[in-house]
Amino acid sequence: MAPVLTCNALAAAPQVRTQAPGFYRMMLGDFEVTALLDGTHPFPVQQVLARQTGQAGGAAQVSLAEASPGEADALLAAAHLKAPVEGAINAFLINTGAKLVLIDSGAGALYGADGGHLLGNLRAAGYRPEQVDAVLLTHLHADHVGGVNLNGHMAFPNATVHVSQRDADYWLNPANRAAAPA
């Protein structure tokens, strides 16, 4: 008979079910989901939003500023906003009752003073970084992965970090990294 390997979840933390600045909590079925604010940053809508030009097969992405100059500003003005808008950097902590799963990790120090508040808000929400069992990175942009590193060490020391193989293959290829925009 093969030996049975058991692995105790580190979380097993009680669900807190309260609110405070820096996080928002809700129940989704039996899961407690806590949105954690890592920070905010000026978001350049005109450069980030894109419009597809051309037909399928020969289509290209063009920034909204190039495709329709003034359209983004007009849409923002109609909503009493102007560029850049303030963009939120969030991560989501899911307490299953047995495990703590963090979806993305915020920007950490990569955005300077605009980020790096996730760990403080995690603690304010009643949890410690050591309790996180798994970190699921949705994709490898700086505002989603920067928070896994804390001064050269794992910010969530007991967590297993998961990332898609396709993203890892792309960003670990030196040629792709060199060709990526700053």
N, C-alpha and C. Protein backbone atom coordinates (compact mmCIF):
# COMPACT_ATOMS: atom_id res chain seq x y z
N MET A 1 0.85 -1.17 0.00
CA MET A 1 0.00 0.00 0.00
C MET A 1 0.89 1.24 0.00
N ALA A 2 0.57 2.21 -0.84
CA ALA A 2 1.35 3.45 -0.93
C ALA A 2 1.06 4.32 0.29
N PRO A 3 2.08 5.04 0.78
CA PRO A 3 1.84 5.93 1.92
C PRO A 3 0.92 7.08 1.51
N VAL A 4 0.10 7.53 2.44
CA VAL A 4 -0.81 8.65 2.20
C VAL A 4 -0.13 9.91 2.72
N LEU A 5 -0.05 10.90 1.85
CA LEU A 5 0.58 12.17 2.21
C LEU A 5 -0.51 13.16 2.57
N THR A 6 -0.45 13.74 3.73
CA THR A 6 -1.44 14.75 4.10
C THR A 6 -0.78 16.11 4.13
N CYS A 7 -1.55 17.12 3.79
CA CYS A 7 -1.05 18.48 3.76
C CYS A 7 -2.09 19.37 4.43
N ASN A 8 -1.73 19.94 5.54
CA ASN A 8 -2.66 20.82 6.24
C ASN A 8 -2.66 22.19 5.60
N ALA A 9 -3.85 22.75 5.37
CA ALA A 9 -3.97 24.11 4.86
C ALA A 9 -3.51 25.07 5.95
N LEU A 10 -2.84 26.12 5.54
CA LEU A 10 -2.33 27.08 6.51
C LEU A 10 -3.41 28.06 6.95
N ALA A 11 -4.40 28.29 6.13
CA ALA A 11 -5.40 29.32 6.44
C ALA A 11 -6.24 28.92 7.62
N ALA A 12 -7.24 28.09 7.40
CA ALA A 12 -8.18 27.68 8.43
C ALA A 12 -8.50 28.84 9.36
N ALA A 13 -8.50 30.06 8.79
CA ALA A 13 -8.80 31.25 9.57
C ALA A 13 -10.30 31.49 9.53
N PRO A 14 -10.87 31.99 10.63
CA PRO A 14 -12.29 32.27 10.61
C PRO A 14 -12.60 33.40 9.63
N GLN A 15 -13.77 33.36 9.05
CA GLN A 15 -14.19 34.44 8.16
C GLN A 15 -14.54 35.65 9.02
N VAL A 16 -14.11 36.84 8.59
CA VAL A 16 -14.24 38.05 9.40
C VAL A 16 -15.55 38.78 9.13
N ARG A 17 -15.95 38.91 7.86
CA ARG A 17 -17.22 39.48 7.43
C ARG A 17 -17.46 40.93 7.89
N THR A 18 -16.43 41.77 7.91
CA THR A 18 -16.58 43.18 8.24
C THR A 18 -15.93 44.03 7.16
N GLN A 19 -16.18 45.35 7.19
CA GLN A 19 -15.64 46.28 6.20
C GLN A 19 -14.75 47.32 6.88
N ALA A 20 -13.87 47.94 6.09
CA ALA A 20 -13.04 49.06 6.54
C ALA A 20 -12.38 49.67 5.31
N PRO A 21 -11.84 50.90 5.42
CA PRO A 21 -11.12 51.47 4.27
C PRO A 21 -9.95 50.56 3.86
N GLY A 22 -9.71 50.43 2.55
CA GLY A 22 -8.61 49.61 2.06
C GLY A 22 -9.01 48.21 1.64
N PHE A 23 -10.22 47.80 2.04
CA PHE A 23 -10.71 46.50 1.60
C PHE A 23 -12.23 46.50 1.60
N TYR A 24 -12.79 45.60 0.80
CA TYR A 24 -14.24 45.41 0.74
C TYR A 24 -14.49 43.92 0.76
N ARG A 25 -15.42 43.50 1.60
CA ARG A 25 -15.65 42.07 1.80
C ARG A 25 -17.09 41.72 1.43
N MET A 26 -17.26 40.55 0.81
CA MET A 26 -18.60 40.04 0.49
C MET A 26 -18.58 38.52 0.53
N MET A 27 -19.73 37.94 0.68
CA MET A 27 -19.88 36.48 0.63
C MET A 27 -20.31 36.09 -0.77
N LEU A 28 -19.72 35.03 -1.28
CA LEU A 28 -20.10 34.45 -2.56
C LEU A 28 -20.33 32.97 -2.27
N GLY A 29 -21.58 32.62 -2.03
CA GLY A 29 -21.89 31.27 -1.56
C GLY A 29 -21.26 31.10 -0.20
N ASP A 30 -20.47 30.05 -0.04
CA ASP A 30 -19.79 29.80 1.24
C ASP A 30 -18.42 30.47 1.31
N PHE A 31 -18.00 31.13 0.24
CA PHE A 31 -16.68 31.75 0.21
C PHE A 31 -16.77 33.22 0.61
N GLU A 32 -15.80 33.65 1.41
CA GLU A 32 -15.67 35.06 1.74
C GLU A 32 -14.64 35.65 0.78
N VAL A 33 -15.04 36.69 0.02
CA VAL A 33 -14.15 37.34 -0.94
C VAL A 33 -13.84 38.74 -0.42
N THR A 34 -12.56 39.05 -0.30
CA THR A 34 -12.14 40.36 0.17
C THR A 34 -11.34 41.03 -0.93
N ALA A 35 -11.85 42.16 -1.43
CA ALA A 35 -11.11 42.97 -2.40
C ALA A 35 -10.13 43.82 -1.61
N LEU A 36 -8.86 43.72 -1.95
CA LEU A 36 -7.80 44.44 -1.25
C LEU A 36 -7.21 45.51 -2.16
N LEU A 37 -7.18 46.74 -1.69
CA LEU A 37 -6.60 47.83 -2.45
C LEU A 37 -5.09 47.86 -2.26
N ASP A 38 -4.35 47.82 -3.36
CA ASP A 38 -2.90 47.95 -3.31
C ASP A 38 -2.50 49.41 -3.50
N GLY A 39 -3.34 50.18 -4.19
CA GLY A 39 -3.07 51.59 -4.42
C GLY A 39 -3.83 52.08 -5.64
N THR A 40 -3.59 53.33 -5.99
CA THR A 40 -4.19 53.91 -7.19
C THR A 40 -3.09 54.59 -7.99
N HIS A 41 -3.35 54.78 -9.27
CA HIS A 41 -2.36 55.41 -10.14
C HIS A 41 -3.05 56.17 -11.26
N PRO A 42 -2.36 57.17 -11.81
CA PRO A 42 -2.95 57.88 -12.95
C PRO A 42 -3.00 56.95 -14.16
N PHE A 43 -4.20 56.78 -14.71
CA PHE A 43 -4.41 55.83 -15.80
C PHE A 43 -4.61 56.59 -17.10
N PRO A 44 -3.68 56.48 -18.06
CA PRO A 44 -3.77 57.23 -19.32
C PRO A 44 -4.74 56.57 -20.31
N VAL A 45 -6.00 56.87 -20.16
CA VAL A 45 -7.06 56.21 -20.92
C VAL A 45 -6.79 56.25 -22.43
N GLN A 46 -6.41 57.41 -22.94
CA GLN A 46 -6.25 57.55 -24.40
C GLN A 46 -5.18 56.62 -24.96
N GLN A 47 -4.13 56.35 -24.19
CA GLN A 47 -3.07 55.48 -24.68
C GLN A 47 -3.36 54.01 -24.44
N VAL A 48 -4.13 53.70 -23.41
CA VAL A 48 -4.36 52.30 -23.06
C VAL A 48 -5.53 51.70 -23.83
N LEU A 49 -6.61 52.46 -23.96
CA LEU A 49 -7.75 51.95 -24.71
C LEU A 49 -7.39 51.90 -26.19
N ALA A 50 -7.82 50.86 -26.86
CA ALA A 50 -7.48 50.68 -28.27
C ALA A 50 -8.72 50.34 -29.07
N ARG A 51 -8.62 50.58 -30.34
CA ARG A 51 -9.69 50.25 -31.28
C ARG A 51 -9.07 49.40 -32.37
N GLN A 52 -9.81 48.38 -32.79
CA GLN A 52 -9.33 47.51 -33.86
C GLN A 52 -9.60 48.19 -35.19
N THR A 53 -8.61 48.18 -36.06
CA THR A 53 -8.78 48.75 -37.40
C THR A 53 -8.59 47.64 -38.42
N GLY A 54 -9.20 47.80 -39.58
CA GLY A 54 -9.04 46.82 -40.64
C GLY A 54 -9.94 45.61 -40.44
N GLN A 55 -9.82 44.68 -41.33
CA GLN A 55 -10.62 43.46 -41.31
C GLN A 55 -9.90 42.36 -40.54
N ALA A 56 -10.67 41.36 -40.13
CA ALA A 56 -10.08 40.21 -39.44
C ALA A 56 -8.98 39.63 -40.32
N GLY A 57 -7.90 39.25 -39.72
CA GLY A 57 -6.75 38.71 -40.45
C GLY A 57 -5.72 39.80 -40.70
N GLY A 58 -6.18 41.01 -41.06
CA GLY A 58 -5.26 42.12 -41.26
C GLY A 58 -5.51 43.21 -40.23
N ALA A 59 -6.26 42.90 -39.16
CA ALA A 59 -6.62 43.89 -38.16
C ALA A 59 -5.42 44.26 -37.29
N ALA A 60 -5.43 45.50 -36.86
CA ALA A 60 -4.39 45.99 -35.95
C ALA A 60 -5.05 46.76 -34.83
N GLN A 61 -4.39 46.83 -33.69
CA GLN A 61 -4.86 47.63 -32.56
C GLN A 61 -4.22 49.00 -32.65
N VAL A 62 -5.04 50.04 -32.55
CA VAL A 62 -4.57 51.41 -32.57
C VAL A 62 -5.12 52.10 -31.34
N SER A 63 -4.30 52.92 -30.67
CA SER A 63 -4.78 53.62 -29.48
C SER A 63 -5.97 54.48 -29.86
N LEU A 64 -6.85 54.68 -28.90
CA LEU A 64 -8.04 55.50 -29.12
C LEU A 64 -7.63 56.92 -29.51
N ALA A 65 -6.54 57.43 -28.95
CA ALA A 65 -6.06 58.77 -29.28
C ALA A 65 -5.71 58.88 -30.76
N GLU A 66 -5.14 57.80 -31.35
CA GLU A 66 -4.81 57.80 -32.77
C GLU A 66 -6.03 57.54 -33.64
N ALA A 67 -6.86 56.59 -33.23
CA ALA A 67 -8.01 56.19 -34.05
C ALA A 67 -9.08 57.26 -34.09
N SER A 68 -9.34 57.90 -32.97
CA SER A 68 -10.40 58.92 -32.89
C SER A 68 -9.94 60.04 -31.97
N PRO A 69 -9.09 60.93 -32.46
CA PRO A 69 -8.60 62.01 -31.61
C PRO A 69 -9.75 62.79 -30.97
N GLY A 70 -9.67 62.99 -29.68
CA GLY A 70 -10.68 63.76 -28.96
C GLY A 70 -11.85 62.95 -28.43
N GLU A 71 -12.05 61.73 -28.96
CA GLU A 71 -13.21 60.95 -28.52
C GLU A 71 -13.13 60.57 -27.05
N ALA A 72 -11.98 60.13 -26.60
CA ALA A 72 -11.83 59.75 -25.19
C ALA A 72 -12.06 60.95 -24.28
N ASP A 73 -11.50 62.11 -24.65
CA ASP A 73 -11.70 63.31 -23.84
C ASP A 73 -13.17 63.70 -23.79
N ALA A 74 -13.88 63.59 -24.90
CA ALA A 74 -15.30 63.93 -24.94
C ALA A 74 -16.11 62.97 -24.06
N LEU A 75 -15.79 61.68 -24.13
CA LEU A 75 -16.50 60.71 -23.30
C LEU A 75 -16.23 60.95 -21.81
N LEU A 76 -14.99 61.25 -21.47
CA LEU A 76 -14.65 61.55 -20.09
C LEU A 76 -15.37 62.82 -19.63
N ALA A 77 -15.35 63.87 -20.45
CA ALA A 77 -16.00 65.12 -20.09
C ALA A 77 -17.49 64.91 -19.85
N ALA A 78 -18.13 64.07 -20.65
CA ALA A 78 -19.56 63.79 -20.46
C ALA A 78 -19.82 63.13 -19.11
N ALA A 79 -18.82 62.47 -18.56
CA ALA A 79 -18.94 61.82 -17.25
C ALA A 79 -18.30 62.70 -16.16
N HIS A 80 -18.00 63.97 -16.51
CA HIS A 80 -17.39 64.92 -15.56
C HIS A 80 -16.02 64.44 -15.08
N LEU A 81 -15.26 63.86 -15.99
CA LEU A 81 -13.92 63.37 -15.70
C LEU A 81 -12.95 63.96 -16.72
N LYS A 82 -11.66 63.84 -16.42
CA LYS A 82 -10.64 64.20 -17.39
C LYS A 82 -9.46 63.26 -17.21
N ALA A 83 -8.67 63.14 -18.27
CA ALA A 83 -7.51 62.24 -18.24
C ALA A 83 -6.37 62.92 -17.50
N PRO A 84 -5.54 62.15 -16.81
CA PRO A 84 -5.71 60.71 -16.59
C PRO A 84 -6.73 60.46 -15.48
N VAL A 85 -7.44 59.35 -15.59
CA VAL A 85 -8.36 58.96 -14.53
C VAL A 85 -7.58 58.19 -13.47
N GLU A 86 -8.14 58.11 -12.28
CA GLU A 86 -7.47 57.38 -11.22
C GLU A 86 -7.85 55.90 -11.34
N GLY A 87 -6.86 55.07 -11.54
CA GLY A 87 -7.09 53.63 -11.67
C GLY A 87 -6.74 52.92 -10.38
N ALA A 88 -7.57 51.98 -9.98
CA ALA A 88 -7.33 51.22 -8.75
C ALA A 88 -6.56 49.94 -9.06
N ILE A 89 -5.63 49.61 -8.18
CA ILE A 89 -4.87 48.36 -8.27
C ILE A 89 -5.39 47.47 -7.14
N ASN A 90 -6.07 46.40 -7.50
CA ASN A 90 -6.70 45.53 -6.51
C ASN A 90 -6.24 44.09 -6.64
N ALA A 91 -6.39 43.37 -5.56
CA ALA A 91 -6.21 41.92 -5.53
C ALA A 91 -7.40 41.38 -4.75
N PHE A 92 -7.65 40.09 -4.86
CA PHE A 92 -8.81 39.49 -4.22
C PHE A 92 -8.39 38.28 -3.39
N LEU A 93 -8.76 38.31 -2.12
CA LEU A 93 -8.46 37.20 -1.21
C LEU A 93 -9.73 36.38 -1.02
N ILE A 94 -9.64 35.10 -1.30
CA ILE A 94 -10.79 34.20 -1.16
C ILE A 94 -10.52 33.27 0.01
N ASN A 95 -11.40 33.34 1.01
CA ASN A 95 -11.32 32.45 2.15
C ASN A 95 -12.37 31.36 1.94
N THR A 96 -11.90 30.16 1.68
CA THR A 96 -12.81 29.04 1.42
C THR A 96 -13.30 28.40 2.71
N GLY A 97 -12.73 28.84 3.84
CA GLY A 97 -13.00 28.21 5.12
C GLY A 97 -11.90 27.25 5.50
N ALA A 98 -11.20 26.74 4.49
CA ALA A 98 -10.09 25.82 4.72
C ALA A 98 -8.78 26.38 4.18
N LYS A 99 -8.87 27.25 3.16
CA LYS A 99 -7.67 27.81 2.53
C LYS A 99 -7.89 29.28 2.23
N LEU A 100 -6.77 30.01 2.16
CA LEU A 100 -6.77 31.40 1.69
C LEU A 100 -6.09 31.44 0.33
N VAL A 101 -6.81 31.95 -0.66
CA VAL A 101 -6.30 32.03 -2.02
C VAL A 101 -6.31 33.50 -2.44
N LEU A 102 -5.15 34.00 -2.83
CA LEU A 102 -5.02 35.38 -3.29
C LEU A 102 -5.00 35.40 -4.81
N ILE A 103 -5.90 36.19 -5.40
CA ILE A 103 -5.93 36.35 -6.85
C ILE A 103 -5.18 37.65 -7.16
N ASP A 104 -4.02 37.54 -7.78
CA ASP A 104 -3.10 38.63 -8.09
C ASP A 104 -2.50 39.19 -6.80
N SER A 105 -1.47 40.02 -6.94
CA SER A 105 -0.75 40.49 -5.76
C SER A 105 -0.50 41.99 -5.77
N GLY A 106 -1.16 42.71 -6.68
CA GLY A 106 -0.94 44.15 -6.75
C GLY A 106 0.40 44.49 -7.36
N ALA A 107 0.73 45.78 -7.33
CA ALA A 107 1.97 46.26 -7.95
C ALA A 107 3.15 46.24 -6.99
N GLY A 108 2.88 46.18 -5.70
CA GLY A 108 3.98 46.24 -4.74
C GLY A 108 4.77 47.52 -4.91
N ALA A 109 6.07 47.44 -4.88
CA ALA A 109 6.94 48.61 -5.00
C ALA A 109 7.16 49.04 -6.45
N LEU A 110 6.67 48.27 -7.42
CA LEU A 110 6.95 48.56 -8.83
C LEU A 110 6.33 49.87 -9.31
N TYR A 111 5.27 50.36 -8.65
CA TYR A 111 4.62 51.62 -9.03
C TYR A 111 4.99 52.74 -8.07
N GLY A 112 6.05 52.56 -7.30
CA GLY A 112 6.46 53.58 -6.35
C GLY A 112 5.40 53.81 -5.29
N ALA A 113 5.17 55.07 -4.95
CA ALA A 113 4.21 55.40 -3.88
C ALA A 113 2.77 55.10 -4.29
N ASP A 114 2.52 54.85 -5.58
CA ASP A 114 1.15 54.55 -6.03
C ASP A 114 0.70 53.15 -5.64
N GLY A 115 1.60 52.28 -5.26
CA GLY A 115 1.24 50.91 -4.89
C GLY A 115 1.89 50.52 -3.58
N GLY A 116 1.81 49.24 -3.28
CA GLY A 116 2.48 48.72 -2.10
C GLY A 116 1.66 48.73 -0.82
N HIS A 117 0.34 48.90 -0.94
CA HIS A 117 -0.51 48.95 0.25
C HIS A 117 -1.25 47.64 0.52
N LEU A 118 -1.04 46.65 -0.33
CA LEU A 118 -1.78 45.40 -0.23
C LEU A 118 -1.55 44.69 1.11
N LEU A 119 -0.31 44.56 1.53
CA LEU A 119 -0.03 43.82 2.77
C LEU A 119 -0.64 44.52 3.98
N GLY A 120 -0.58 45.84 4.02
CA GLY A 120 -1.22 46.58 5.11
C GLY A 120 -2.72 46.39 5.12
N ASN A 121 -3.34 46.40 3.94
CA ASN A 121 -4.78 46.21 3.86
C ASN A 121 -5.17 44.75 4.12
N LEU A 122 -4.30 43.81 3.77
CA LEU A 122 -4.52 42.41 4.11
C LEU A 122 -4.58 42.26 5.64
N ARG A 123 -3.62 42.88 6.31
CA ARG A 123 -3.60 42.82 7.78
C ARG A 123 -4.81 43.53 8.38
N ALA A 124 -5.16 44.69 7.81
CA ALA A 124 -6.33 45.42 8.30
C ALA A 124 -7.60 44.59 8.14
N ALA A 125 -7.63 43.73 7.12
CA ALA A 125 -8.78 42.86 6.88
C ALA A 125 -8.80 41.65 7.80
N GLY A 126 -7.76 41.50 8.65
CA GLY A 126 -7.75 40.43 9.64
C GLY A 126 -6.91 39.21 9.27
N TYR A 127 -6.06 39.33 8.24
CA TYR A 127 -5.25 38.20 7.80
C TYR A 127 -3.77 38.56 7.81
N ARG A 128 -2.91 37.55 7.80
CA ARG A 128 -1.47 37.73 7.73
C ARG A 128 -0.93 37.09 6.44
N PRO A 129 0.12 37.65 5.88
CA PRO A 129 0.68 37.07 4.65
C PRO A 129 1.04 35.60 4.79
N GLU A 130 1.47 35.18 5.98
CA GLU A 130 1.85 33.77 6.20
C GLU A 130 0.67 32.83 6.09
N GLN A 131 -0.55 33.35 6.21
CA GLN A 131 -1.73 32.50 6.15
C GLN A 131 -2.15 32.16 4.72
N VAL A 132 -1.67 32.90 3.73
CA VAL A 132 -2.07 32.69 2.34
C VAL A 132 -1.48 31.37 1.85
N ASP A 133 -2.37 30.50 1.36
CA ASP A 133 -1.98 29.17 0.88
C ASP A 133 -1.57 29.16 -0.59
N ALA A 134 -2.23 30.01 -1.40
CA ALA A 134 -1.95 30.01 -2.84
C ALA A 134 -2.12 31.42 -3.38
N VAL A 135 -1.28 31.78 -4.35
CA VAL A 135 -1.40 33.03 -5.08
C VAL A 135 -1.62 32.65 -6.54
N LEU A 136 -2.73 33.08 -7.12
CA LEU A 136 -3.04 32.80 -8.53
C LEU A 136 -2.84 34.09 -9.30
N LEU A 137 -1.86 34.12 -10.19
CA LEU A 137 -1.58 35.31 -10.99
C LEU A 137 -2.33 35.20 -12.31
N THR A 138 -3.24 36.14 -12.55
CA THR A 138 -4.08 36.06 -13.75
C THR A 138 -3.27 36.29 -15.02
N HIS A 139 -2.30 37.20 -14.95
CA HIS A 139 -1.36 37.44 -16.05
C HIS A 139 -0.19 38.22 -15.48
N LEU A 140 0.89 38.30 -16.24
CA LEU A 140 2.13 38.80 -15.68
C LEU A 140 2.41 40.28 -15.99
N HIS A 141 1.41 41.13 -15.80
CA HIS A 141 1.64 42.57 -15.85
C HIS A 141 2.06 43.03 -14.46
N ALA A 142 2.85 44.10 -14.41
CA ALA A 142 3.43 44.57 -13.16
C ALA A 142 2.40 44.84 -12.07
N ASP A 143 1.23 45.37 -12.44
CA ASP A 143 0.22 45.70 -11.42
C ASP A 143 -0.52 44.47 -10.91
N HIS A 144 -0.19 43.30 -11.42
CA HIS A 144 -0.79 42.05 -10.95
C HIS A 144 0.21 41.16 -10.22
N VAL A 145 1.51 41.36 -10.47
CA VAL A 145 2.51 40.45 -9.92
C VAL A 145 3.54 41.11 -9.00
N GLY A 146 3.62 42.43 -8.99
CA GLY A 146 4.67 43.11 -8.25
C GLY A 146 4.65 42.85 -6.76
N GLY A 147 3.50 42.51 -6.22
CA GLY A 147 3.38 42.30 -4.79
C GLY A 147 3.83 40.95 -4.28
N VAL A 148 4.25 40.04 -5.14
CA VAL A 148 4.74 38.74 -4.64
C VAL A 148 6.13 38.86 -4.06
N ASN A 149 6.84 39.93 -4.42
CA ASN A 149 8.20 40.15 -3.96
C ASN A 149 8.20 41.28 -2.94
N LEU A 150 8.79 41.05 -1.79
CA LEU A 150 8.91 42.06 -0.75
C LEU A 150 10.37 42.16 -0.36
N ASN A 151 11.05 43.17 -0.90
CA ASN A 151 12.48 43.38 -0.61
C ASN A 151 13.31 42.12 -0.90
N GLY A 152 13.04 41.47 -2.02
CA GLY A 152 13.81 40.30 -2.42
C GLY A 152 13.37 39.00 -1.79
N HIS A 153 12.30 39.02 -1.03
CA HIS A 153 11.77 37.81 -0.38
C HIS A 153 10.32 37.61 -0.78
N MET A 154 9.84 36.40 -0.62
CA MET A 154 8.44 36.09 -0.92
C MET A 154 7.54 36.83 0.07
N ALA A 155 6.61 37.62 -0.43
CA ALA A 155 5.69 38.34 0.43
C ALA A 155 4.71 37.39 1.12
N PHE A 156 4.44 36.25 0.49
CA PHE A 156 3.52 35.24 1.02
C PHE A 156 4.33 33.95 1.17
N PRO A 157 5.09 33.84 2.24
CA PRO A 157 6.13 32.80 2.34
C PRO A 157 5.62 31.36 2.34
N ASN A 158 4.37 31.13 2.67
CA ASN A 158 3.85 29.76 2.72
C ASN A 158 2.96 29.43 1.53
N ALA A 159 2.87 30.35 0.58
CA ALA A 159 1.97 30.17 -0.56
C ALA A 159 2.67 29.52 -1.73
N THR A 160 1.90 28.77 -2.49
CA THR A 160 2.33 28.27 -3.79
C THR A 160 1.84 29.29 -4.81
N VAL A 161 2.73 29.76 -5.68
CA VAL A 161 2.36 30.74 -6.69
C VAL A 161 2.05 30.01 -7.99
N HIS A 162 0.91 30.33 -8.59
CA HIS A 162 0.48 29.70 -9.84
C HIS A 162 0.38 30.76 -10.94
N VAL A 163 0.86 30.42 -12.13
CA VAL A 163 0.79 31.30 -13.29
C VAL A 163 0.59 30.42 -14.52
N SER A 164 -0.04 30.98 -15.55
CA SER A 164 -0.25 30.17 -16.75
C SER A 164 1.09 29.86 -17.42
N GLN A 165 1.21 28.68 -17.96
CA GLN A 165 2.44 28.26 -18.64
C GLN A 165 2.72 29.18 -19.82
N ARG A 166 1.67 29.58 -20.53
CA ARG A 166 1.84 30.43 -21.72
C ARG A 166 2.45 31.79 -21.33
N ASP A 167 1.95 32.40 -20.25
CA ASP A 167 2.51 33.67 -19.79
C ASP A 167 3.96 33.50 -19.33
N ALA A 168 4.21 32.45 -18.57
CA ALA A 168 5.57 32.20 -18.08
C ALA A 168 6.53 32.00 -19.26
N ASP A 169 6.13 31.20 -20.23
CA ASP A 169 6.98 30.96 -21.40
C ASP A 169 7.27 32.26 -22.14
N TYR A 170 6.25 33.10 -22.28
CA TYR A 170 6.43 34.36 -23.01
C TYR A 170 7.40 35.29 -22.28
N TRP A 171 7.15 35.55 -20.99
CA TRP A 171 7.95 36.55 -20.26
C TRP A 171 9.32 36.03 -19.83
N LEU A 172 9.49 34.72 -19.78
CA LEU A 172 10.81 34.19 -19.44
C LEU A 172 11.72 34.07 -20.67
N ASN A 173 11.19 34.38 -21.85
CA ASN A 173 11.96 34.40 -23.08
C ASN A 173 12.65 35.77 -23.19
N PRO A 174 13.97 35.84 -23.14
CA PRO A 174 14.67 37.12 -23.17
C PRO A 174 14.32 37.98 -24.39
N ALA A 175 14.07 37.38 -25.54
CA ALA A 175 13.73 38.14 -26.74
C ALA A 175 12.39 38.85 -26.57
N ASN A 176 11.41 38.18 -25.98
CA ASN A 176 10.10 38.80 -25.75
C ASN A 176 10.21 39.93 -24.74
N ARG A 177 10.97 39.70 -23.68
CA ARG A 177 11.15 40.73 -22.66
C ARG A 177 11.80 41.97 -23.26
N ALA A 178 12.81 41.77 -24.09
CA ALA A 178 13.52 42.88 -24.70
C ALA A 178 12.63 43.67 -25.66
N ALA A 179 11.69 43.01 -26.32
CA ALA A 179 10.82 43.67 -27.29
C ALA A 179 9.60 44.33 -26.64
N ALA A 180 9.34 44.06 -25.38
CA ALA A 180 8.16 44.59 -24.70
C ALA A 180 8.33 46.09 -24.45
N PRO A 181 7.23 46.84 -24.54
CA PRO A 181 7.33 48.27 -24.24
C PRO A 181 7.65 48.48 -22.75
N ALA A 182 8.25 49.60 -22.45
CA ALA A 182 8.64 49.90 -21.06
C ALA A 182 7.43 49.87 -20.15
